[in-house]
PDB file of all heavy atoms in Angstrom:
ATOM      1  N   MET A   1      21.533 101.012   4.616  1.00  0.00           N
ATOM      2  CA  MET A   1      22.217 100.322   5.705  1.00  0.00           C
ATOM      3  C   MET A   1      22.489  98.866   5.339  1.00  0.00           C
ATOM      4  O   MET A   1      23.579  98.358   5.597  1.00  0.00           O
ATOM      5  CB  MET A   1      21.392 100.408   6.992  1.00  0.00           C
ATOM      6  CG  MET A   1      21.394 101.790   7.618  1.00  0.00           C
ATOM      7  SD  MET A   1      20.319 101.910   9.063  1.00  0.00           S
ATOM      8  CE  MET A   1      21.103 100.740  10.176  1.00  0.00           C
ATOM      9  N   LYS A   2      21.508  98.215   4.733  1.00  0.00           N
ATOM     10  CA  LYS A   2      21.680  96.808   4.349  1.00  0.00           C
ATOM     11  C   LYS A   2      22.769  96.668   3.289  1.00  0.00           C
ATOM     12  O   LYS A   2      23.627  95.792   3.372  1.00  0.00           O
ATOM     13  CB  LYS A   2      20.361  96.246   3.831  1.00  0.00           C
ATOM     14  CG  LYS A   2      20.416  94.778   3.505  1.00  0.00           C
ATOM     15  CD  LYS A   2      19.067  94.233   3.102  1.00  0.00           C
ATOM     16  CE  LYS A   2      19.183  92.746   2.823  1.00  0.00           C
ATOM     17  NZ  LYS A   2      17.887  92.153   2.527  1.00  0.00           N
ATOM     18  N   THR A   3      22.740  97.543   2.289  1.00  0.00           N
ATOM     19  CA  THR A   3      23.733  97.518   1.216  1.00  0.00           C
ATOM     20  C   THR A   3      25.146  97.701   1.767  1.00  0.00           C
ATOM     21  O   THR A   3      26.081  97.037   1.331  1.00  0.00           O
ATOM     22  CB  THR A   3      23.425  98.618   0.180  1.00  0.00           C
ATOM     23  OG1 THR A   3      22.117  98.407  -0.343  1.00  0.00           O
ATOM     24  CG2 THR A   3      24.442  98.616  -0.945  1.00  0.00           C
ATOM     25  N   ARG A   4      25.274  98.597   2.733  1.00  0.00           N
ATOM     26  CA  ARG A   4      26.593  98.903   3.300  1.00  0.00           C
ATOM     27  C   ARG A   4      26.931  98.034   4.504  1.00  0.00           C
ATOM     28  O   ARG A   4      27.950  98.241   5.160  1.00  0.00           O
ATOM     29  CB  ARG A   4      26.658 100.381   3.676  1.00  0.00           C
ATOM     30  CG  ARG A   4      26.546 101.252   2.439  1.00  0.00           C
ATOM     31  CD  ARG A   4      26.466 102.694   2.786  1.00  0.00           C
ATOM     32  NE  ARG A   4      26.216 103.442   1.551  1.00  0.00           N
ATOM     33  CZ  ARG A   4      26.686 104.637   1.327  1.00  0.00           C
ATOM     34  NH1 ARG A   4      27.436 105.234   2.215  1.00  0.00           N
ATOM     35  NH2 ARG A   4      26.411 105.245   0.203  1.00  0.00           N
ATOM     36  N   GLN A   5      26.030  97.103   4.819  1.00  0.00           N
ATOM     37  CA  GLN A   5      26.207  96.171   5.929  1.00  0.00           C
ATOM     38  C   GLN A   5      26.450  96.909   7.251  1.00  0.00           C
ATOM     39  O   GLN A   5      27.365  96.587   8.011  1.00  0.00           O
ATOM     40  CB  GLN A   5      27.331  95.183   5.643  1.00  0.00           C
ATOM     41  CG  GLN A   5      27.044  94.328   4.426  1.00  0.00           C
ATOM     42  CD  GLN A   5      28.172  93.372   4.092  1.00  0.00           C
ATOM     43  OE1 GLN A   5      29.302  93.537   4.514  1.00  0.00           O
ATOM     44  NE2 GLN A   5      27.837  92.352   3.320  1.00  0.00           N
ATOM     45  N   ILE A   6      25.608  97.905   7.507  1.00  0.00           N
ATOM     46  CA  ILE A   6      25.668  98.662   8.751  1.00  0.00           C
ATOM     47  C   ILE A   6      24.424  98.336   9.564  1.00  0.00           C
ATOM     48  O   ILE A   6      23.301  98.569   9.123  1.00  0.00           O
ATOM     49  CB  ILE A   6      25.767 100.177   8.484  1.00  0.00           C
ATOM     50  CG1 ILE A   6      27.073 100.484   7.768  1.00  0.00           C
ATOM     51  CG2 ILE A   6      25.651 100.970   9.774  1.00  0.00           C
ATOM     52  CD1 ILE A   6      27.270 101.922   7.375  1.00  0.00           C
ATOM     53  N   THR A   7      24.629  97.778  10.739  1.00  0.00           N
ATOM     54  CA  THR A   7      23.520  97.432  11.620  1.00  0.00           C
ATOM     55  C   THR A   7      23.162  98.622  12.501  1.00  0.00           C
ATOM     56  O   THR A   7      23.927  99.593  12.601  1.00  0.00           O
ATOM     57  CB  THR A   7      23.911  96.251  12.528  1.00  0.00           C
ATOM     58  OG1 THR A   7      25.004  96.671  13.365  1.00  0.00           O
ATOM     59  CG2 THR A   7      24.315  95.026  11.714  1.00  0.00           C
ATOM     60  N   SER A   8      22.018  98.529  13.169  1.00  0.00           N
ATOM     61  CA  SER A   8      21.633  99.593  14.093  1.00  0.00           C
ATOM     62  C   SER A   8      22.647  99.683  15.239  1.00  0.00           C
ATOM     63  O   SER A   8      22.940 100.764  15.741  1.00  0.00           O
ATOM     64  CB  SER A   8      20.227  99.351  14.634  1.00  0.00           C
ATOM     65  OG  SER A   8      20.157  98.125  15.329  1.00  0.00           O
ATOM     66  N   TYR A   9      23.208  98.546  15.626  1.00  0.00           N
ATOM     67  CA  TYR A   9      24.219  98.528  16.677  1.00  0.00           C
ATOM     68  C   TYR A   9      25.469  99.307  16.231  1.00  0.00           C
ATOM     69  O   TYR A   9      26.006 100.115  16.975  1.00  0.00           O
ATOM     70  CB  TYR A   9      24.596  97.086  17.026  1.00  0.00           C
ATOM     71  CG  TYR A   9      25.686  96.979  18.062  1.00  0.00           C
ATOM     72  CD1 TYR A   9      25.404  97.202  19.412  1.00  0.00           C
ATOM     73  CD2 TYR A   9      26.989  96.665  17.711  1.00  0.00           C
ATOM     74  CE1 TYR A   9      26.393  97.116  20.379  1.00  0.00           C
ATOM     75  CE2 TYR A   9      27.993  96.573  18.662  1.00  0.00           C
ATOM     76  CZ  TYR A   9      27.682  96.798  19.993  1.00  0.00           C
ATOM     77  OH  TYR A   9      28.669  96.715  20.938  1.00  0.00           O
ATOM     78  N   ARG A  10      25.899  99.061  15.013  1.00  0.00           N
ATOM     79  CA  ARG A  10      27.077  99.766  14.494  1.00  0.00           C
ATOM     80  C   ARG A  10      26.792 101.267  14.359  1.00  0.00           C
ATOM     81  O   ARG A  10      27.647 102.094  14.659  1.00  0.00           O
ATOM     82  CB  ARG A  10      27.491  99.180  13.151  1.00  0.00           C
ATOM     83  CG  ARG A  10      28.761  99.804  12.615  1.00  0.00           C
ATOM     84  CD  ARG A  10      29.372  99.016  11.500  1.00  0.00           C
ATOM     85  NE  ARG A  10      30.411  99.787  10.851  1.00  0.00           N
ATOM     86  CZ  ARG A  10      30.725  99.690   9.582  1.00  0.00           C
ATOM     87  NH1 ARG A  10      30.106  98.810   8.811  1.00  0.00           N
ATOM     88  NH2 ARG A  10      31.670 100.420   9.061  1.00  0.00           N
ATOM     89  N   LEU A  11      25.578 101.595  13.913  1.00  0.00           N
ATOM     90  CA  LEU A  11      25.191 102.998  13.793  1.00  0.00           C
ATOM     91  C   LEU A  11      25.253 103.677  15.163  1.00  0.00           C
ATOM     92  O   LEU A  11      25.735 104.801  15.288  1.00  0.00           O
ATOM     93  CB  LEU A  11      23.778 103.096  13.204  1.00  0.00           C
ATOM     94  CG  LEU A  11      23.351 104.401  12.583  1.00  0.00           C
ATOM     95  CD1 LEU A  11      24.267 104.813  11.444  1.00  0.00           C
ATOM     96  CD2 LEU A  11      21.917 104.308  12.097  1.00  0.00           C
ATOM     97  N   GLU A  12      24.808 102.968  16.198  1.00  0.00           N
ATOM     98  CA  GLU A  12      24.867 103.506  17.555  1.00  0.00           C
ATOM     99  C   GLU A  12      26.327 103.706  17.982  1.00  0.00           C
ATOM    100  O   GLU A  12      26.670 104.722  18.590  1.00  0.00           O
ATOM    101  CB  GLU A  12      24.165 102.569  18.527  1.00  0.00           C
ATOM    102  CG  GLU A  12      24.180 103.070  19.955  1.00  0.00           C
ATOM    103  CD  GLU A  12      23.507 102.130  20.931  1.00  0.00           C
ATOM    104  OE1 GLU A  12      23.202 100.980  20.573  1.00  0.00           O
ATOM    105  OE2 GLU A  12      23.294 102.558  22.081  1.00  0.00           O
ATOM    106  N   LYS A  13      27.189 102.766  17.661  1.00  0.00           N
ATOM    107  CA  LYS A  13      28.609 102.882  18.012  1.00  0.00           C
ATOM    108  C   LYS A  13      29.283 104.037  17.268  1.00  0.00           C
ATOM    109  O   LYS A  13      30.298 104.557  17.718  1.00  0.00           O
ATOM    110  CB  LYS A  13      29.357 101.573  17.729  1.00  0.00           C
ATOM    111  CG  LYS A  13      28.972 100.451  18.646  1.00  0.00           C
ATOM    112  CD  LYS A  13      29.301 100.812  20.080  1.00  0.00           C
ATOM    113  CE  LYS A  13      28.858  99.762  21.043  1.00  0.00           C
ATOM    114  NZ  LYS A  13      28.970 100.192  22.432  1.00  0.00           N
ATOM    115  N   MET A  14      28.692 104.433  16.148  1.00  0.00           N
ATOM    116  CA  MET A  14      29.205 105.570  15.380  1.00  0.00           C
ATOM    117  C   MET A  14      28.724 106.896  15.967  1.00  0.00           C
ATOM    118  O   MET A  14      29.105 107.956  15.504  1.00  0.00           O
ATOM    119  CB  MET A  14      28.772 105.451  13.910  1.00  0.00           C
ATOM    120  CG  MET A  14      29.378 104.266  13.189  1.00  0.00           C
ATOM    121  SD  MET A  14      28.580 103.913  11.595  1.00  0.00           S
ATOM    122  CE  MET A  14      29.303 105.158  10.553  1.00  0.00           C
ATOM    123  N   GLY A  15      27.826 106.820  16.969  1.00  0.00           N
ATOM    124  CA  GLY A  15      27.364 108.029  17.639  1.00  0.00           C
ATOM    125  C   GLY A  15      25.914 108.396  17.397  1.00  0.00           C
ATOM    126  O   GLY A  15      25.462 109.461  17.816  1.00  0.00           O
ATOM    127  N   PHE A  16      25.159 107.526  16.724  1.00  0.00           N
ATOM    128  CA  PHE A  16      23.752 107.819  16.433  1.00  0.00           C
ATOM    129  C   PHE A  16      22.869 107.256  17.541  1.00  0.00           C
ATOM    130  O   PHE A  16      23.035 106.109  17.963  1.00  0.00           O
ATOM    131  CB  PHE A  16      23.351 107.227  15.077  1.00  0.00           C
ATOM    132  CG  PHE A  16      22.041 107.739  14.573  1.00  0.00           C
ATOM    133  CD1 PHE A  16      21.940 109.022  14.072  1.00  0.00           C
ATOM    134  CD2 PHE A  16      20.908 106.956  14.614  1.00  0.00           C
ATOM    135  CE1 PHE A  16      20.724 109.513  13.617  1.00  0.00           C
ATOM    136  CE2 PHE A  16      19.697 107.427  14.154  1.00  0.00           C
ATOM    137  CZ  PHE A  16      19.605 108.712  13.657  1.00  0.00           C
ATOM    138  N   SER A  17      21.922 108.034  17.992  1.00  0.00           N
ATOM    139  CA  SER A  17      21.043 107.651  19.089  1.00  0.00           C
ATOM    140  C   SER A  17      20.159 106.462  18.725  1.00  0.00           C
ATOM    141  O   SER A  17      19.493 106.462  17.691  1.00  0.00           O
ATOM    142  CB  SER A  17      20.158 108.840  19.473  1.00  0.00           C
ATOM    143  OG  SER A  17      19.063 108.431  20.246  1.00  0.00           O
ATOM    144  N   ARG A  18      20.145 105.464  19.594  1.00  0.00           N
ATOM    145  CA  ARG A  18      19.295 104.290  19.378  1.00  0.00           C
ATOM    146  C   ARG A  18      17.817 104.691  19.437  1.00  0.00           C
ATOM    147  O   ARG A  18      17.008 104.182  18.655  1.00  0.00           O
ATOM    148  CB  ARG A  18      19.599 103.217  20.422  1.00  0.00           C
ATOM    149  CG  ARG A  18      18.792 101.947  20.206  1.00  0.00           C
ATOM    150  CD  ARG A  18      19.205 100.871  21.141  1.00  0.00           C
ATOM    151  NE  ARG A  18      20.496 100.367  20.697  1.00  0.00           N
ATOM    152  CZ  ARG A  18      20.863  99.103  20.764  1.00  0.00           C
ATOM    153  NH1 ARG A  18      20.064  98.219  21.286  1.00  0.00           N
ATOM    154  NH2 ARG A  18      22.034  98.728  20.322  1.00  0.00           N
ATOM    155  N   ALA A  19      17.482 105.591  20.342  1.00  0.00           N
ATOM    156  CA  ALA A  19      16.092 106.046  20.459  1.00  0.00           C
ATOM    157  C   ALA A  19      15.631 106.721  19.167  1.00  0.00           C
ATOM    158  O   ALA A  19      14.504 106.506  18.710  1.00  0.00           O
ATOM    159  CB  ALA A  19      15.950 106.997  21.636  1.00  0.00           C
ATOM    160  N   THR A  20      16.495 107.511  18.566  1.00  0.00           N
ATOM    161  CA  THR A  20      16.157 108.169  17.298  1.00  0.00           C
ATOM    162  C   THR A  20      16.004 107.134  16.200  1.00  0.00           C
ATOM    163  O   THR A  20      15.101 107.233  15.366  1.00  0.00           O
ATOM    164  CB  THR A  20      17.228 109.213  16.929  1.00  0.00           C
ATOM    165  OG1 THR A  20      17.352 110.154  17.993  1.00  0.00           O
ATOM    166  CG2 THR A  20      16.865 109.950  15.656  1.00  0.00           C
ATOM    167  N   TYR A  21      16.864 106.134  16.194  1.00  0.00           N
ATOM    168  CA  TYR A  21      16.766 105.063  15.196  1.00  0.00           C
ATOM    169  C   TYR A  21      15.413 104.361  15.307  1.00  0.00           C
ATOM    170  O   TYR A  21      14.734 104.139  14.303  1.00  0.00           O
ATOM    171  CB  TYR A  21      17.905 104.050  15.371  1.00  0.00           C
ATOM    172  CG  TYR A  21      17.827 102.909  14.396  1.00  0.00           C
ATOM    173  CD1 TYR A  21      18.257 103.060  13.083  1.00  0.00           C
ATOM    174  CD2 TYR A  21      17.289 101.679  14.772  1.00  0.00           C
ATOM    175  CE1 TYR A  21      18.164 102.019  12.172  1.00  0.00           C
ATOM    176  CE2 TYR A  21      17.192 100.636  13.862  1.00  0.00           C
ATOM    177  CZ  TYR A  21      17.639 100.811  12.572  1.00  0.00           C
ATOM    178  OH  TYR A  21      17.533  99.786  11.669  1.00  0.00           O
ATOM    179  N   TYR A  22      15.000 104.027  16.523  1.00  0.00           N
ATOM    180  CA  TYR A  22      13.709 103.366  16.719  1.00  0.00           C
ATOM    181  C   TYR A  22      12.552 104.284  16.326  1.00  0.00           C
ATOM    182  O   TYR A  22      11.542 103.824  15.801  1.00  0.00           O
ATOM    183  CB  TYR A  22      13.549 102.877  18.154  1.00  0.00           C
ATOM    184  CG  TYR A  22      14.427 101.689  18.478  1.00  0.00           C
ATOM    185  CD1 TYR A  22      15.110 101.613  19.675  1.00  0.00           C
ATOM    186  CD2 TYR A  22      14.581 100.637  17.578  1.00  0.00           C
ATOM    187  CE1 TYR A  22      15.926 100.521  19.973  1.00  0.00           C
ATOM    188  CE2 TYR A  22      15.401  99.551  17.867  1.00  0.00           C
ATOM    189  CZ  TYR A  22      16.056  99.502  19.066  1.00  0.00           C
ATOM    190  OH  TYR A  22      16.850  98.426  19.353  1.00  0.00           O
ATOM    191  N   SER A  23      12.704 105.572  16.556  1.00  0.00           N
ATOM    192  CA  SER A  23      11.689 106.535  16.164  1.00  0.00           C
ATOM    193  C   SER A  23      11.539 106.554  14.637  1.00  0.00           C
ATOM    194  O   SER A  23      10.425 106.588  14.105  1.00  0.00           O
ATOM    195  CB  SER A  23      12.075 107.922  16.680  1.00  0.00           C
ATOM    196  OG  SER A  23      11.083 108.862  16.372  1.00  0.00           O
ATOM    197  N   ILE A  24      12.668 106.500  13.934  1.00  0.00           N
ATOM    198  CA  ILE A  24      12.643 106.450  12.464  1.00  0.00           C
ATOM    199  C   ILE A  24      11.978 105.161  11.995  1.00  0.00           C
ATOM    200  O   ILE A  24      11.190 105.171  11.054  1.00  0.00           O
ATOM    201  CB  ILE A  24      14.066 106.582  11.896  1.00  0.00           C
ATOM    202  CG1 ILE A  24      14.585 108.002  12.113  1.00  0.00           C
ATOM    203  CG2 ILE A  24      14.105 106.227  10.414  1.00  0.00           C
ATOM    204  CD1 ILE A  24      16.053 108.179  11.785  1.00  0.00           C
ATOM    205  N   GLN A  25      12.280 104.057  12.667  1.00  0.00           N
ATOM    206  CA  GLN A  25      11.657 102.769  12.300  1.00  0.00           C
ATOM    207  C   GLN A  25      10.137 102.845  12.382  1.00  0.00           C
ATOM    208  O   GLN A  25       9.444 102.214  11.585  1.00  0.00           O
ATOM    209  CB  GLN A  25      12.141 101.655  13.230  1.00  0.00           C
ATOM    210  CG  GLN A  25      13.382 100.962  12.779  1.00  0.00           C
ATOM    211  CD  GLN A  25      13.664  99.737  13.629  1.00  0.00           C
ATOM    212  OE1 GLN A  25      13.522  99.749  14.844  1.00  0.00           O
ATOM    213  NE2 GLN A  25      14.077  98.684  12.968  1.00  0.00           N
ATOM    214  N   LYS A  26       9.636 103.611  13.348  1.00  0.00           N
ATOM    215  CA  LYS A  26       8.191 103.757  13.523  1.00  0.00           C
ATOM    216  C   LYS A  26       7.590 104.758  12.549  1.00  0.00           C
ATOM    217  O   LYS A  26       6.381 104.939  12.511  1.00  0.00           O
ATOM    218  CB  LYS A  26       7.881 104.187  14.956  1.00  0.00           C
ATOM    219  CG  LYS A  26       8.201 103.125  15.975  1.00  0.00           C
ATOM    220  CD  LYS A  26       7.906 103.620  17.367  1.00  0.00           C
ATOM    221  CE  LYS A  26       8.270 102.576  18.399  1.00  0.00           C
ATOM    222  NZ  LYS A  26       8.042 103.057  19.773  1.00  0.00           N
ATOM    223  N   GLY A  27       8.448 105.448  11.768  1.00  0.00           N
ATOM    224  CA  GLY A  27       7.955 106.403  10.787  1.00  0.00           C
ATOM    225  C   GLY A  27       7.723 107.789  11.335  1.00  0.00           C
ATOM    226  O   GLY A  27       7.102 108.625  10.673  1.00  0.00           O
ATOM    227  N   ASN A  28       8.219 108.065  12.536  1.00  0.00           N
ATOM    228  CA  ASN A  28       8.060 109.392  13.126  1.00  0.00           C
ATOM    229  C   ASN A  28       8.947 110.400  12.399  1.00  0.00           C
ATOM    230  O   ASN A  28       9.961 110.031  11.815  1.00  0.00           O
ATOM    231  CB  ASN A  28       8.426 109.366  14.616  1.00  0.00           C
ATOM    232  CG  ASN A  28       7.488 108.491  15.414  1.00  0.00           C
ATOM    233  OD1 ASN A  28       6.330 108.317  15.068  1.00  0.00           O
ATOM    234  ND2 ASN A  28       7.991 107.919  16.489  1.00  0.00           N
ATOM    235  N   SER A  29       8.556 111.653  12.475  1.00  0.00           N
ATOM    236  CA  SER A  29       9.352 112.685  11.819  1.00  0.00           C
ATOM    237  C   SER A  29      10.625 112.950  12.628  1.00  0.00           C
ATOM    238  O   SER A  29      10.657 112.752  13.842  1.00  0.00           O
ATOM    239  CB  SER A  29       8.543 113.969  11.668  1.00  0.00           C
ATOM    240  OG  SER A  29       8.185 114.474  12.937  1.00  0.00           O
ATOM    241  N   VAL A  30      11.659 113.362  11.927  1.00  0.00           N
ATOM    242  CA  VAL A  30      12.930 113.697  12.564  1.00  0.00           C
ATOM    243  C   VAL A  30      13.397 115.040  12.037  1.00  0.00           C
ATOM    244  O   VAL A  30      12.937 115.507  10.997  1.00  0.00           O
ATOM    245  CB  VAL A  30      14.010 112.615  12.312  1.00  0.00           C
ATOM    246  CG1 VAL A  30      13.640 111.309  12.982  1.00  0.00           C
ATOM    247  CG2 VAL A  30      14.241 112.408  10.830  1.00  0.00           C
ATOM    248  N   SER A  31      14.331 115.640  12.745  1.00  0.00           N
ATOM    249  CA  SER A  31      14.822 116.959  12.358  1.00  0.00           C
ATOM    250  C   SER A  31      15.798 116.864  11.190  1.00  0.00           C
ATOM    251  O   SER A  31      16.346 115.801  10.898  1.00  0.00           O
ATOM    252  CB  SER A  31      15.523 117.625  13.550  1.00  0.00           C
ATOM    253  OG  SER A  31      16.752 116.967  13.811  1.00  0.00           O
ATOM    254  N   THR A  32      16.022 117.991  10.563  1.00  0.00           N
ATOM    255  CA  THR A  32      17.011 118.033   9.488  1.00  0.00           C
ATOM    256  C   THR A  32      18.409 117.779  10.044  1.00  0.00           C
ATOM    257  O   THR A  32      19.266 117.263   9.338  1.00  0.00           O
ATOM    258  CB  THR A  32      16.976 119.382   8.741  1.00  0.00           C
ATOM    259  OG1 THR A  32      17.113 120.440   9.683  1.00  0.00           O
ATOM    260  CG2 THR A  32      15.686 119.529   7.961  1.00  0.00           C
ATOM    261  N   ASN A  33      18.633 118.105  11.308  1.00  0.00           N
ATOM    262  CA  ASN A  33      19.922 117.804  11.933  1.00  0.00           C
ATOM    263  C   ASN A  33      20.152 116.292  11.991  1.00  0.00           C
ATOM    264  O   ASN A  33      21.273 115.828  11.805  1.00  0.00           O
ATOM    265  CB  ASN A  33      20.009 118.403  13.343  1.00  0.00           C
ATOM    266  CG  ASN A  33      20.141 119.904  13.323  1.00  0.00           C
ATOM    267  OD1 ASN A  33      20.668 120.483  12.376  1.00  0.00           O
ATOM    268  ND2 ASN A  33      19.663 120.553  14.368  1.00  0.00           N
ATOM    269  N   THR A  34      19.094 115.543  12.257  1.00  0.00           N
ATOM    270  CA  THR A  34      19.190 114.084  12.293  1.00  0.00           C
ATOM    271  C   THR A  34      19.505 113.533  10.909  1.00  0.00           C
ATOM    272  O   THR A  34      20.360 112.654  10.763  1.00  0.00           O
ATOM    273  CB  THR A  34      17.873 113.468  12.829  1.00  0.00           C
ATOM    274  OG1 THR A  34      17.668 113.941  14.164  1.00  0.00           O
ATOM    275  CG2 THR A  34      17.926 111.959  12.822  1.00  0.00           C
ATOM    276  N   ILE A  35      18.847 114.062   9.897  1.00  0.00           N
ATOM    277  CA  ILE A  35      19.111 113.636   8.517  1.00  0.00           C
ATOM    278  C   ILE A  35      20.560 113.972   8.157  1.00  0.00           C
ATOM    279  O   ILE A  35      21.266 113.155   7.557  1.00  0.00           O
ATOM    280  CB  ILE A  35      18.136 114.311   7.528  1.00  0.00           C
ATOM    281  CG1 ILE A  35      16.681 113.936   7.860  1.00  0.00           C
ATOM    282  CG2 ILE A  35      18.477 113.944   6.094  1.00  0.00           C
ATOM    283  CD1 ILE A  35      16.368 112.461   7.826  1.00  0.00           C
ATOM    284  N   ASN A  36      21.003 115.146   8.552  1.00  0.00           N
ATOM    285  CA  ASN A  36      22.384 115.569   8.306  1.00  0.00           C
ATOM    286  C   ASN A  36      23.366 114.604   8.970  1.00  0.00           C
ATOM    287  O   ASN A  36      24.367 114.200   8.362  1.00  0.00           O
ATOM    288  CB  ASN A  36      22.590 116.993   8.824  1.00  0.00           C
ATOM    289  CG  ASN A  36      23.952 117.525   8.498  1.00  0.00           C
ATOM    290  OD1 ASN A  36      24.321 117.642   7.338  1.00  0.00           O
ATOM    291  ND2 ASN A  36      24.724 117.843   9.533  1.00  0.00           N
TER     292      ASN A  36
END
């Protein structure tokens, strides 16, 4: 994200859940659908 200059805000605007992003920040597991 840093290399591509994509912020969490921009990721959210692209359709990615902010709650899921924060969950990843905490190191929680996510589904393969999320990785996809």
